[in-house]
Amino acid sequence: MGDVVPFKRRSVSDKHAGDTLCRRGFHKWEVVKDKQFDVRHGKLVTIYRCVRCGKTRVETS
């Protein structure tokens, strides 16, 4: 007979780690440096992306 391999189930807290902060509006913003110029309006923009959930935010200067 073969060996029995135990599977580790992910707990609910591991599955949604950090997600509850983003749902309540406490994102962890990080500057994305790929695209810094808006071609349509001709302005410099700063793009922020949340590290935990991936939501983006744009600010013009």
C-alpha atoms as a PDB file:
ATOM      1  CA  MET A   1       0.000   0.000   0.000  1.00  0.00           C
ATOM      2  CA  GLY A   2       1.014   3.603  -0.566  1.00  0.00           C
ATOM      3  CA  ASP A   3       1.679   6.320   1.937  1.00  0.00           C
ATOM      4  CA  VAL A   4      -1.169   8.550   3.046  1.00  0.00           C
ATOM      5  CA  VAL A   5      -0.455  12.196   2.262  1.00  0.00           C
ATOM      6  CA  PRO A   6      -2.156  14.623   4.642  1.00  0.00           C
ATOM      7  CA  PHE A   7      -3.594  17.723   2.957  1.00  0.00           C
ATOM      8  CA  LYS A   8      -3.354  21.028   4.762  1.00  0.00           C
ATOM      9  CA  ARG A   9      -6.551  23.060   4.542  1.00  0.00           C
ATOM     10  CA  ARG A  10      -6.229  26.805   4.432  1.00  0.00           C
ATOM     11  CA  SER A  11      -8.033  28.453   7.283  1.00  0.00           C
ATOM     12  CA  VAL A  12     -10.396  31.344   6.666  1.00  0.00           C
ATOM     13  CA  SER A  13      -7.985  33.793   8.291  1.00  0.00           C
ATOM     14  CA  ASP A  14      -5.155  32.706   5.969  1.00  0.00           C
ATOM     15  CA  LYS A  15      -7.421  32.905   2.930  1.00  0.00           C
ATOM     16  CA  HIS A  16      -8.457  36.529   3.544  1.00  0.00           C
ATOM     17  CA  ALA A  17      -5.260  37.821   5.149  1.00  0.00           C
ATOM     18  CA  GLY A  18      -5.154  41.614   4.755  1.00  0.00           C
ATOM     19  CA  ASP A  19      -8.358  41.677   2.702  1.00  0.00           C
ATOM     20  CA  THR A  20     -10.494  43.055   5.526  1.00  0.00           C
ATOM     21  CA  LEU A  21      -8.290  46.144   5.797  1.00  0.00           C
ATOM     22  CA  CYS A  22      -8.860  46.962   2.128  1.00  0.00           C
ATOM     23  CA  ARG A  23     -12.609  46.430   2.399  1.00  0.00           C
ATOM     24  CA  ARG A  24     -12.696  49.043   5.151  1.00  0.00           C
ATOM     25  CA  GLY A  25     -10.675  51.562   3.136  1.00  0.00           C
ATOM     26  CA  PHE A  26      -7.202  51.020   4.614  1.00  0.00           C
ATOM     27  CA  HIS A  27      -5.268  50.205   1.448  1.00  0.00           C
ATOM     28  CA  LYS A  28      -1.497  49.844   1.292  1.00  0.00           C
ATOM     29  CA  TRP A  29      -0.677  52.124  -1.661  1.00  0.00           C
ATOM     30  CA  GLU A  30       2.514  51.736  -3.684  1.00  0.00           C
ATOM     31  CA  VAL A  31       3.630  53.940  -6.606  1.00  0.00           C
ATOM     32  CA  VAL A  32       3.652  52.276 -10.042  1.00  0.00           C
ATOM     33  CA  LYS A  33       6.457  53.723 -12.159  1.00  0.00           C
ATOM     34  CA  ASP A  34       5.583  52.143 -15.528  1.00  0.00           C
ATOM     35  CA  LYS A  35       3.275  54.830 -16.923  1.00  0.00           C
ATOM     36  CA  GLN A  36       3.802  58.388 -15.666  1.00  0.00           C
ATOM     37  CA  PHE A  37       2.429  60.554 -18.480  1.00  0.00           C
ATOM     38  CA  ASP A  38      -1.198  60.868 -19.615  1.00  0.00           C
ATOM     39  CA  VAL A  39      -1.156  61.248 -23.397  1.00  0.00           C
ATOM     40  CA  ARG A  40      -4.743  62.458 -23.765  1.00  0.00           C
ATOM     41  CA  HIS A  41      -4.552  65.352 -21.326  1.00  0.00           C
ATOM     42  CA  GLY A  42      -0.812  65.993 -21.557  1.00  0.00           C
ATOM     43  CA  LYS A  43      -0.289  65.863 -17.803  1.00  0.00           C
ATOM     44  CA  LEU A  44       1.973  63.991 -15.468  1.00  0.00           C
ATOM     45  CA  VAL A  45       0.102  61.405 -13.425  1.00  0.00           C
ATOM     46  CA  THR A  46       0.982  59.276 -10.424  1.00  0.00           C
ATOM     47  CA  ILE A  47      -0.529  55.804 -10.386  1.00  0.00           C
ATOM     48  CA  TYR A  48      -0.895  54.015  -7.072  1.00  0.00           C
ATOM     49  CA  ARG A  49      -1.658  50.285  -6.738  1.00  0.00           C
ATOM     50  CA  CYS A  50      -2.703  48.554  -3.518  1.00  0.00           C
ATOM     51  CA  VAL A  51      -0.256  45.794  -2.614  1.00  0.00           C
ATOM     52  CA  ARG A  52      -2.910  43.662  -0.926  1.00  0.00           C
ATOM     53  CA  CYS A  53      -5.930  43.798  -3.261  1.00  0.00           C
ATOM     54  CA  GLY A  54      -4.583  45.263  -6.545  1.00  0.00           C
ATOM     55  CA  LYS A  55      -6.940  48.269  -6.753  1.00  0.00           C
ATOM     56  CA  THR A  56      -5.491  51.301  -8.576  1.00  0.00           C
ATOM     57  CA  ARG A  57      -5.749  55.039  -7.890  1.00  0.00           C
ATOM     58  CA  VAL A  58      -4.625  57.913 -10.148  1.00  0.00           C
ATOM     59  CA  GLU A  59      -3.557  61.410  -9.116  1.00  0.00           C
ATOM     60  CA  THR A  60      -2.706  64.214 -11.548  1.00  0.00           C
ATOM     61  CA  SER A  61      -0.146  66.875 -10.821  1.00  0.00           C
END
